[in-house]
Protein backbone atom coordinates (compact mmCIF):
# COMPACT_ATOMS: atom_id res chain seq x y z
CA MET A 1 136.16 117.21 122.08
CA LYS A 2 138.62 114.67 120.61
CA PRO A 3 136.32 111.65 121.17
CA TYR A 4 133.53 113.39 119.27
CA LYS A 5 135.90 114.30 116.43
CA ASP A 6 137.14 110.71 116.24
CA ILE A 7 133.56 109.40 116.20
CA LEU A 8 132.61 111.93 113.52
CA PHE A 9 135.65 111.05 111.38
CA LEU A 10 134.62 107.39 111.26
CA ALA A 11 130.85 107.79 111.56
CA VAL A 12 130.31 110.06 108.56
CA PRO A 13 131.75 107.74 105.84
CA ILE A 14 130.31 104.63 107.56
CA ALA A 15 126.90 106.30 107.86
CA LEU A 16 126.96 107.54 104.28
CA HIS A 17 127.89 104.07 103.08
CA SER A 18 125.06 102.56 105.16
CA VAL A 19 122.62 105.18 103.90
CA LEU A 20 123.61 104.53 100.29
CA PHE A 21 123.35 100.78 100.87
CA ALA A 22 119.90 101.14 102.41
CA SER A 23 118.90 103.60 99.68
CA LEU A 24 119.10 100.77 97.16
CA GLY A 25 115.99 99.26 98.71
CA PHE A 26 114.30 102.64 98.86
CA ILE A 27 115.15 103.41 95.22
CA ASP A 28 113.98 99.95 94.12
CA THR A 29 110.70 100.49 95.96
CA PHE A 30 110.25 103.94 94.43
CA MET A 31 110.95 102.72 90.88
CA LEU A 32 108.83 99.58 91.28
CA SER A 33 105.91 101.56 92.75
CA ALA A 34 105.10 102.63 89.19
CA LEU A 35 104.22 98.96 88.52
CA GLY A 36 101.66 98.79 91.34
CA GLY A 37 101.19 97.67 94.94
CA ASP A 38 101.57 93.93 94.21
CA THR A 39 105.02 94.47 92.73
CA VAL A 40 106.07 96.59 95.71
CA ALA A 41 104.79 93.94 98.13
CA ALA A 42 106.63 91.15 96.27
CA ALA A 43 109.84 93.18 96.30
CA GLY A 44 109.35 93.75 100.02
CA ILE A 45 109.14 89.98 100.64
CA GLY A 46 112.23 89.30 98.54
CA SER A 47 114.17 92.09 100.21
CA ARG A 48 113.28 90.76 103.66
CA VAL A 49 114.52 87.27 102.75
CA LEU A 50 117.74 88.68 101.29
CA TRP A 51 118.22 90.92 104.32
CA PHE A 52 117.62 88.06 106.73
CA ILE A 53 120.18 85.80 105.04
CA SER A 54 122.68 88.65 104.58
CA ASN A 55 122.56 89.40 108.30
CA VAL A 56 124.20 86.04 109.00
CA ILE A 57 127.17 87.13 106.86
CA VAL A 58 127.06 90.56 108.49
CA GLY A 59 127.31 88.79 111.85
CA ILE A 60 130.51 87.08 110.75
CA SER A 61 131.88 90.38 109.50
CA GLY A 62 130.97 91.94 112.85
CA ALA A 63 133.12 89.39 114.66
CA THR A 64 135.91 90.06 112.17
CA THR A 65 135.69 93.78 112.88
CA ILE A 66 135.90 93.19 116.64
CA PHE A 67 139.10 91.16 116.36
CA CYS A 68 140.65 93.44 113.75
CA ALA A 69 139.90 96.61 115.74
CA GLN A 70 141.46 95.20 118.91
CA TYR A 71 144.52 93.96 117.01
CA TRP A 72 144.82 97.36 115.35
CA GLY A 73 144.83 98.96 118.81
CA ALA A 74 147.45 96.44 119.96
CA LYS A 75 149.49 97.17 116.77
CA ASP A 76 149.48 93.46 115.86
CA LYS A 77 149.26 93.38 112.05
CA LYS A 78 150.02 89.67 111.73
CA ASN A 79 147.02 88.58 113.79
CA LEU A 80 144.87 91.20 112.07
CA ASN A 81 145.66 89.61 108.70
CA VAL A 82 144.91 86.13 110.04
CA SER A 83 141.55 87.39 111.38
CA ILE A 84 140.59 88.51 107.87
CA HIS A 85 141.29 84.99 106.60
CA ILE A 86 139.27 83.37 109.39
CA GLY A 87 136.33 85.69 108.74
CA MET A 88 136.46 85.03 105.01
CA ILE A 89 136.47 81.25 105.45
CA HIS A 90 133.43 81.34 107.72
CA ALA A 91 131.58 83.84 105.49
CA VAL A 92 132.04 81.83 102.29
CA ILE A 93 130.97 78.55 103.89
CA ALA A 94 127.92 80.10 105.55
CA SER A 95 126.79 81.95 102.42
CA SER A 96 127.07 78.82 100.26
CA VAL A 97 124.90 76.79 102.64
CA LEU A 98 122.28 79.53 103.10
CA VAL A 99 121.92 80.37 99.42
CA THR A 100 121.44 76.68 98.58
CA CYS A 101 118.69 76.35 101.23
CA VAL A 102 116.84 79.44 100.02
CA LEU A 103 116.93 78.29 96.40
CA LEU A 104 115.56 74.88 97.35
CA PHE A 105 112.68 76.28 99.45
CA ARG A 106 111.98 79.63 97.79
CA ASP A 107 108.35 78.74 96.95
CA GLN A 108 107.54 77.77 100.52
CA ILE A 109 109.27 80.87 101.91
CA ALA A 110 107.23 83.22 99.74
CA SER A 111 103.97 81.41 100.58
CA ILE A 112 104.63 81.73 104.31
CA MET A 113 105.20 85.49 104.06
CA THR A 114 101.96 86.29 102.23
CA ASN A 115 98.58 84.69 101.64
CA ASP A 116 98.26 86.40 98.23
CA GLU A 117 99.20 83.85 95.52
CA THR A 118 100.01 86.48 92.88
CA ILE A 119 102.42 88.30 95.17
CA ALA A 120 103.99 84.99 96.27
CA VAL A 121 104.77 83.95 92.67
CA MET A 122 106.35 87.33 91.90
CA ALA A 123 108.39 87.19 95.10
CA THR A 124 109.68 83.70 94.24
CA ASP A 125 111.04 84.89 90.89
CA TYR A 126 112.72 87.84 92.59
CA ILE A 127 114.26 85.73 95.36
CA GLN A 128 115.91 83.16 93.07
CA ILE A 129 117.97 85.92 91.41
CA SER A 130 118.62 88.37 94.24
CA ILE A 131 119.74 85.70 96.75
CA LEU A 132 122.90 85.14 94.68
CA CYS A 133 124.08 88.53 95.94
CA VAL A 134 124.82 86.87 99.28
CA LEU A 135 127.62 84.78 97.74
CA VAL A 136 129.28 87.90 96.38
CA THR A 137 128.68 89.88 99.58
CA SER A 138 130.51 87.26 101.67
CA PHE A 139 133.78 88.57 100.20
CA SER A 140 133.08 92.30 100.16
CA VAL A 141 131.78 92.60 103.74
CA ILE A 142 134.88 90.96 105.23
CA TRP A 143 137.25 93.28 103.37
CA GLY A 144 134.99 96.18 104.35
CA ALA A 145 135.19 95.09 107.99
CA GLY A 146 138.97 95.12 107.78
CA LEU A 147 139.07 98.57 106.19
CA ARG A 148 136.82 100.01 108.89
CA ALA A 149 138.91 98.39 111.63
CA ILE A 150 142.10 100.04 110.32
CA GLN A 151 140.07 103.27 110.17
CA LYS A 152 139.84 103.66 106.39
CA PRO A 153 136.06 103.65 105.92
CA LYS A 154 136.19 106.23 103.10
CA LEU A 155 137.49 103.59 100.71
CA VAL A 156 134.39 101.46 101.28
CA LEU A 157 132.20 104.52 100.76
CA TYR A 158 133.82 105.53 97.46
CA LEU A 159 133.48 102.03 96.06
CA PHE A 160 129.84 101.82 97.02
CA VAL A 161 129.07 105.12 95.29
CA PHE A 162 130.26 103.42 92.12
CA GLU A 163 128.06 100.40 92.88
CA LEU A 164 125.02 102.57 93.59
CA VAL A 165 125.30 104.52 90.33
CA MET A 166 125.72 101.28 88.40
CA ASN A 167 122.79 99.62 90.21
CA VAL A 168 120.37 102.50 89.64
CA SER A 169 121.38 102.73 85.99
CA LEU A 170 120.83 99.01 85.44
CA ASN A 171 117.49 99.16 87.27
CA TYR A 172 116.35 101.97 84.98
CA LEU A 173 117.29 99.94 81.93
CA LEU A 174 116.08 96.52 83.04
CA ILE A 175 112.89 97.33 84.97
CA PHE A 176 111.33 99.50 82.27
CA GLY A 177 113.21 98.32 79.15
CA HIS A 178 114.78 101.63 78.09
CA PHE A 179 117.30 101.96 75.22
CA GLY A 180 116.49 98.57 73.76
CA PHE A 181 116.95 96.54 76.96
CA PRO A 182 114.24 94.00 77.88
CA ALA A 183 111.54 95.24 80.28
CA LEU A 184 111.95 92.65 83.05
CA GLY A 185 110.01 94.47 85.76
CA LEU A 186 110.70 93.09 89.24
CA GLU A 187 113.28 90.60 87.92
CA GLY A 188 115.13 93.49 86.28
CA ALA A 189 115.68 95.06 89.71
CA ALA A 190 117.14 91.77 90.96
CA TRP A 191 119.52 91.45 88.01
CA GLY A 192 120.64 95.06 88.37
CA THR A 193 121.57 94.53 92.01
CA LEU A 194 123.43 91.28 91.32
CA ILE A 195 125.50 92.66 88.43
CA ALA A 196 126.41 95.85 90.30
CA ARG A 197 127.39 94.00 93.48
CA SER A 198 129.55 91.52 91.58
CA THR A 199 131.36 94.29 89.71
CA SER A 200 132.12 96.34 92.84
CA THR A 201 133.38 93.27 94.70
CA LEU A 202 135.77 92.50 91.85
CA VAL A 203 137.09 96.07 91.96
CA LEU A 204 137.54 95.78 95.76
CA PHE A 205 139.52 92.56 95.30
CA PHE A 206 142.00 94.24 92.96
CA TYR A 207 142.27 97.31 95.23
CA VAL A 208 143.00 95.31 98.39
CA ASN A 209 145.68 93.27 96.65
CA ALA A 210 147.30 96.38 95.20
CA ARG A 211 147.09 98.84 98.12
CA GLU A 212 146.16 97.15 101.41
CA LYS A 213 148.53 94.22 101.89
CA ILE A 214 147.48 93.87 105.53
CA LEU A 215 144.08 92.63 104.28
CA CYS A 216 145.01 90.58 101.24
CA PHE A 217 145.18 86.79 100.97
CA SER A 218 148.38 84.85 101.68
CA LYS A 219 149.13 81.14 101.93
CA ALA A 220 150.90 81.60 105.28
CA SER A 221 147.96 83.41 106.90
CA PHE A 222 145.49 80.93 105.43
CA ALA A 223 147.47 78.08 107.03
CA VAL A 224 147.35 79.82 110.43
CA ALA A 225 143.66 80.62 109.97
CA ARG A 226 142.86 76.90 109.80
CA ASP A 227 144.16 76.40 113.36
CA LYS A 228 141.46 74.78 115.53
CA ALA A 229 142.13 76.89 118.63
CA ARG A 230 141.88 80.10 116.63
CA ASN A 231 138.59 79.08 115.06
CA ILE A 232 137.15 78.13 118.44
CA THR A 233 138.12 81.54 119.85
CA PHE A 234 136.64 83.27 116.81
CA ALA A 235 133.47 81.17 117.02
CA LYS A 236 132.92 82.08 120.68
CA ILE A 237 132.54 85.69 119.58
CA ALA A 238 131.04 85.12 116.14
CA LEU A 239 128.31 82.60 116.98
CA PRO A 240 126.47 84.85 119.46
CA ILE A 241 126.68 87.70 116.94
CA ILE A 242 125.33 85.44 114.20
CA GLY A 243 122.73 84.09 116.62
CA GLY A 244 121.79 87.63 117.55
CA GLU A 245 121.50 88.62 113.89
CA ILE A 246 119.33 85.57 113.16
CA ILE A 247 117.17 86.24 116.20
CA TRP A 248 116.83 89.95 115.46
CA SER A 249 116.42 89.73 111.68
CA GLY A 250 114.20 86.68 112.12
CA GLY A 251 112.04 88.75 114.41
CA ILE A 252 111.86 91.56 111.86
CA THR A 253 110.93 88.99 109.21
CA ALA A 254 108.24 87.66 111.56
CA TYR A 255 106.92 91.20 111.92
CA HIS A 256 106.74 91.49 108.12
CA THR A 257 104.99 88.12 107.90
CA ILE A 258 102.38 89.27 110.41
CA TYR A 259 101.79 92.44 108.36
CA GLY A 260 101.41 90.30 105.22
CA ASN A 261 98.75 88.16 106.88
CA ILE A 262 96.76 91.14 108.18
CA ASP A 263 95.96 92.26 104.62
CA GLY A 264 97.64 93.32 101.37
CA THR A 265 97.30 97.00 102.24
CA ALA A 266 99.28 96.62 105.48
CA LEU A 267 102.01 94.65 103.67
CA ALA A 268 102.31 97.24 100.89
CA ALA A 269 102.44 100.12 103.39
CA MET A 270 105.19 98.45 105.43
CA SER A 271 107.06 97.56 102.22
CA ILE A 272 107.16 101.29 101.45
CA LEU A 273 108.14 102.39 104.95
CA ALA A 274 110.61 99.61 105.81
CA PRO A 275 113.28 100.77 103.31
CA LEU A 276 112.81 104.34 104.54
CA GLU A 277 113.22 103.21 108.16
CA ILE A 278 116.36 101.26 107.28
CA LEU A 279 117.67 104.15 105.16
CA LEU A 280 117.40 106.78 107.88
CA GLY A 281 118.39 104.34 110.61
CA SER A 282 121.66 103.92 108.75
CA PHE A 283 122.87 107.20 110.22
CA SER A 284 122.48 105.63 113.64
CA TRP A 285 124.35 102.54 112.44
CA GLY A 286 127.21 104.79 111.30
CA CYS A 287 127.47 106.17 114.83
CA ALA A 288 127.29 102.68 116.36
CA ALA A 289 129.93 101.25 114.01
CA ALA A 290 132.30 104.16 114.62
CA VAL A 291 131.93 103.82 118.37
CA GLY A 292 132.51 100.08 118.06
CA VAL A 293 135.80 100.52 116.18
CA LEU A 294 137.08 103.12 118.65
CA VAL A 295 135.99 101.22 121.74
CA GLY A 296 137.61 98.05 120.39
CA GLU A 297 140.81 99.95 119.67
CA LYS A 298 140.97 101.33 123.24
CA ILE A 299 140.36 97.86 124.71
CA GLY A 300 143.11 96.34 122.55
CA ALA A 301 145.50 99.13 123.58
CA ASN A 302 144.52 98.74 127.30
CA LYS A 303 143.61 102.45 127.61
CA GLN A 304 140.93 102.21 130.29
CA GLU A 305 140.57 105.93 131.05
CA GLU A 306 140.12 106.80 127.40
CA LEU A 307 137.68 103.92 127.04
CA SER A 308 135.27 105.48 129.57
CA VAL A 309 135.42 108.81 127.77
CA TYR A 310 134.63 107.22 124.40
CA ILE A 311 131.72 105.23 125.84
CA ARG A 312 130.12 108.38 127.22
CA ALA A 313 130.72 110.26 123.97
CA GLY A 314 129.21 107.37 121.99
CA LEU A 315 125.99 107.34 124.00
CA ILE A 316 125.57 111.11 123.74
CA SER A 317 126.22 110.92 120.00
CA SER A 318 123.56 108.22 119.55
CA ILE A 319 120.91 110.34 121.26
CA THR A 320 121.88 113.38 119.19
CA VAL A 321 121.83 111.47 115.90
CA GLY A 322 118.49 109.79 116.65
CA GLY A 323 116.83 113.03 117.70
CA THR A 324 118.12 114.90 114.65
CA ILE A 325 116.86 112.25 112.22
CA VAL A 326 113.41 112.24 113.80
CA GLY A 327 113.20 116.03 113.69
CA ILE A 328 114.13 116.20 110.01
CA LEU A 329 111.73 113.42 109.06
CA TRP A 330 108.85 115.00 110.93
CA VAL A 331 109.30 118.24 108.98
CA ALA A 332 109.78 116.44 105.64
CA GLN A 333 107.08 113.77 105.99
CA LYS A 334 104.64 115.21 103.42
CA PRO A 335 107.09 115.41 100.49
CA LEU A 336 108.54 112.01 101.41
CA ILE A 337 105.20 110.25 101.46
CA GLY A 338 104.18 112.20 98.37
CA LEU A 339 106.84 110.31 96.39
CA PHE A 340 104.53 107.29 96.43
CA ASP A 341 101.40 108.93 95.04
CA GLY A 342 101.33 106.22 92.37
CA VAL A 343 100.17 103.53 94.80
CA GLU A 344 96.54 102.88 95.79
CA PRO A 345 94.89 105.50 98.08
CA GLU A 346 94.25 102.99 100.89
CA VAL A 347 97.95 102.06 100.93
CA LEU A 348 98.98 105.72 101.07
CA ASN A 349 96.56 106.32 103.95
CA ALA A 350 98.13 103.44 105.90
CA VAL A 351 101.58 104.95 105.29
CA HIS A 352 100.43 108.26 106.82
CA LEU A 353 99.07 106.49 109.91
CA LEU A 354 102.26 104.46 110.44
CA PHE A 355 104.73 107.31 109.95
CA PRO A 356 104.86 108.62 113.58
CA PHE A 357 105.43 105.08 114.87
CA ILE A 358 108.36 104.65 112.46
CA LEU A 359 109.93 107.85 113.81
CA ALA A 360 109.73 106.60 117.39
CA SER A 361 111.35 103.31 116.33
CA ILE A 362 114.23 105.12 114.61
CA PHE A 363 115.04 107.13 117.76
CA LEU A 364 114.90 104.16 120.14
CA ARG A 365 117.02 102.00 117.84
CA SER A 366 119.65 104.71 117.57
CA VAL A 367 120.35 104.41 121.30
CA THR A 368 120.06 100.61 121.59
CA MET A 369 122.14 100.07 118.45
CA THR A 370 125.08 102.09 119.76
CA SER A 371 124.79 100.59 123.23
CA MET A 372 124.68 96.98 122.04
CA SER A 373 126.58 96.86 118.74
CA GLY A 374 128.89 99.82 119.35
CA ILE A 375 129.84 99.13 122.96
CA LEU A 376 128.91 95.70 124.33
CA LYS A 377 129.77 93.68 121.21
CA SER A 378 133.03 95.53 120.60
CA GLY A 379 134.11 94.40 124.06
CA GLY A 380 133.33 90.78 123.19
CA ASP A 381 130.11 90.63 125.22
CA THR A 382 128.23 89.13 122.29
CA LYS A 383 126.37 86.43 124.23
CA PHE A 384 124.63 88.97 126.47
CA ALA A 385 123.50 90.96 123.42
CA MET A 386 122.15 87.82 121.76
CA ASN A 387 120.16 86.77 124.83
CA LEU A 388 118.71 90.25 125.18
CA ASP A 389 117.51 90.27 121.57
CA LEU A 390 115.95 86.84 122.10
CA VAL A 391 113.97 87.87 125.18
CA ALA A 392 112.90 91.30 123.90
CA GLN A 393 111.69 90.06 120.52
CA TRP A 394 110.53 86.48 120.79
CA PHE A 395 109.19 86.55 124.35
CA GLY A 396 108.03 90.15 124.24
CA ALA A 397 107.23 91.92 120.99
CA ILE A 398 106.18 89.04 118.72
CA PRO A 399 103.62 87.42 121.07
CA ILE A 400 102.11 90.86 121.69
CA MET A 401 101.91 91.54 117.95
CA LEU A 402 100.13 88.23 117.35
CA VAL A 403 97.59 89.01 120.03
CA LEU A 404 96.97 92.54 118.76
CA ALA A 405 96.74 91.45 115.10
CA PHE A 406 94.76 88.21 115.25
CA TRP A 407 92.92 88.26 118.56
CA PHE A 408 91.95 91.91 118.88
CA GLU A 409 92.20 92.41 115.08
CA LEU A 410 93.58 95.92 115.47
CA PRO A 411 94.85 98.06 112.54
CA VAL A 412 98.51 97.70 111.59
CA GLN A 413 99.61 100.97 113.25
CA TYR A 414 98.56 99.64 116.66
CA VAL A 415 100.17 96.28 115.99
CA TYR A 416 103.41 98.15 115.31
CA THR A 417 103.52 99.49 118.87
CA ALA A 418 104.91 96.09 119.89
CA VAL A 419 108.05 96.95 117.90
CA LEU A 420 108.52 100.04 120.05
CA LEU A 421 108.10 97.90 123.15
CA GLU A 422 110.93 95.63 121.98
CA GLU A 423 113.41 98.53 121.91
CA ALA A 424 112.14 99.95 125.20
CA LEU A 425 112.59 96.58 126.92
CA LYS A 426 116.30 96.61 126.07
CA MET A 427 117.19 99.98 127.57
CA ILE A 428 117.55 99.24 131.28
CA PRO A 429 119.55 95.96 131.10
CA VAL A 430 121.88 97.45 128.47
CA ILE A 431 122.74 100.52 130.54
CA LEU A 432 123.23 98.42 133.69
CA ARG A 433 125.53 96.05 131.79
CA ILE A 434 127.67 98.91 130.48
CA ARG A 435 128.03 100.42 133.94
CA SER A 436 129.06 97.07 135.43
CA GLY A 437 132.17 96.77 133.23
CA LYS A 438 131.67 92.99 132.93
CA TRP A 439 131.41 93.26 129.14
CA ILE A 440 135.06 94.23 128.60
CA LYS A 441 137.21 91.40 127.18
CA ASN A 442 140.64 91.89 125.61
CA LEU A 443 140.35 89.40 122.75
CA SER A 444 143.79 90.23 121.35
CA GLN A 445 145.28 88.58 124.44
CA ASP A 446 143.01 85.51 124.32
CA MET A 447 143.79 84.55 120.72
CA PRO A 448 146.85 82.31 120.15
CA SER A 449 149.82 84.21 118.72
CA ALA A 450 150.30 84.07 114.97
CA GLU A 451 153.30 82.73 113.15
CA PRO A 452 155.04 85.41 111.08
CA THR A 453 153.13 86.18 107.91
CA PRO A 454 154.28 88.22 104.95
CA ALA A 455 153.08 91.83 104.89
C-alpha cells in the first residue's frame, strides 16, 4: 500500500493545483458567457494560443523536474540547484522569443483560427494582453518544478489558491465594471489574469529566497549552469519534451482551428467544453506528475525493485482516476451544462451532443498521460514520447479530422472521434515500451558533476 500512499500524498496537491489552474479558463468562460457566444469563442481562441505557447515553457519545466527528481533521489543538492538555474535560463529565453513572435503576428494568428472577422478582432485584443503571462510564468513554473521534485507540492497549491482568488476578483471587477472599475469585457479577463499571475510569482520569489535555499539563485550555480556540456545534456532531454509539447499542443490547436472553420456554433461549443475537459483532466495530470516524481526518484536512487512496484501502482491509479472522473461527470452532466444556459440554443445543443465524446477522451488521456509523462519521460525517454505524439496526431488524428469535416462534412461530434483515435493509437506502443525497460536512463550519472555551490 505504500506506493499508493506516496502517489496520493503527491497527487492530491498537484491535482488540486492543476484543477485550480484549469478552472481559471472554465471560470473565465462562465463569466464571459454572459456577454454572448462571440465573446466566448474569442476567449477560446486566445486561450488556445496562450496554452500553446505556455506548453513550450511547461516542456522546459518538465525537463527540470526530471533532473531535479533524480538528483533528489541521489541526494545531490548541488546538482539539483544547478538544474534549477539551467531550467530558468532556457525558460526565460524561450518565453521572450515566443511572446515577441505572437505580438508581431497576433492578427494573422486570430484570422487563421476563425473565419469570423468579429471574433478574430476580439481575439486579437485578448491575445496581446494575455500573452504577457508567459513571461511571468517562465519563472514560476521552474520554481514549481523544483518544489514538486523535492516533494513539497503543497506550497505551490497554497500560492495558487491566492492567485485564483485574486484572479476571479479582478475578473469580476474588470469584465463587468463593478465598484467603479471600467467594464472592459474580454480585455478585463486578460488584465485580471496578468495582474494575478505577476503578483503570485513575486510572492513565490520572496518565499523561495527566504525558505527554500536549495532552489534560490546564486552566482556560483549560475556560473556552473552556463557550462556547455551541462546544457547539451539538459537539451537532449528538454528538446524532445518541448518538441512533444509543441507537437501535441499544436495538434490540439489544429483541432480547435478545424472546429472554428466548421461553423461558429461548433467553435463556441468546443470553447465551452475545452476548459471543462482540461479542468477535469487535471486530476489525471496530478496522478501522472506524482508518478513521474516518484519514478524519477527511484531511478536516481538505483532502487530497481521499488521502481517496478511504483510503475504498476501508477498505471492502476491512472485507470482508477480516469474511471472515477468519467463516472462523476456522467451523473452531473445536466447541472454542468445548465451553467451555460445564457448561450444560444444551437450552441447548447452541440454541447449536449459532444459531452459523451469528451468523457471518453478524459478516460483515455488519463492512462496515456501517466504512461508517457509519468513513466517514460521521468526515465529520460523523451524522444520516444515525442515521436509517438507526432505519429498519433499529425499522421493519424488530424488527417482523419480534415476528411470527416471538409470532405464528408459531418457534424462536429463525429469529427471529434478522431481525437479518441489519437489516444487509442498510443496505447499499445506505450505499454510495450514500458515492459521493455529501454526507457530507463539514470540522468544523475550522465550529467557532469557540479562544483560546490552555497546552500
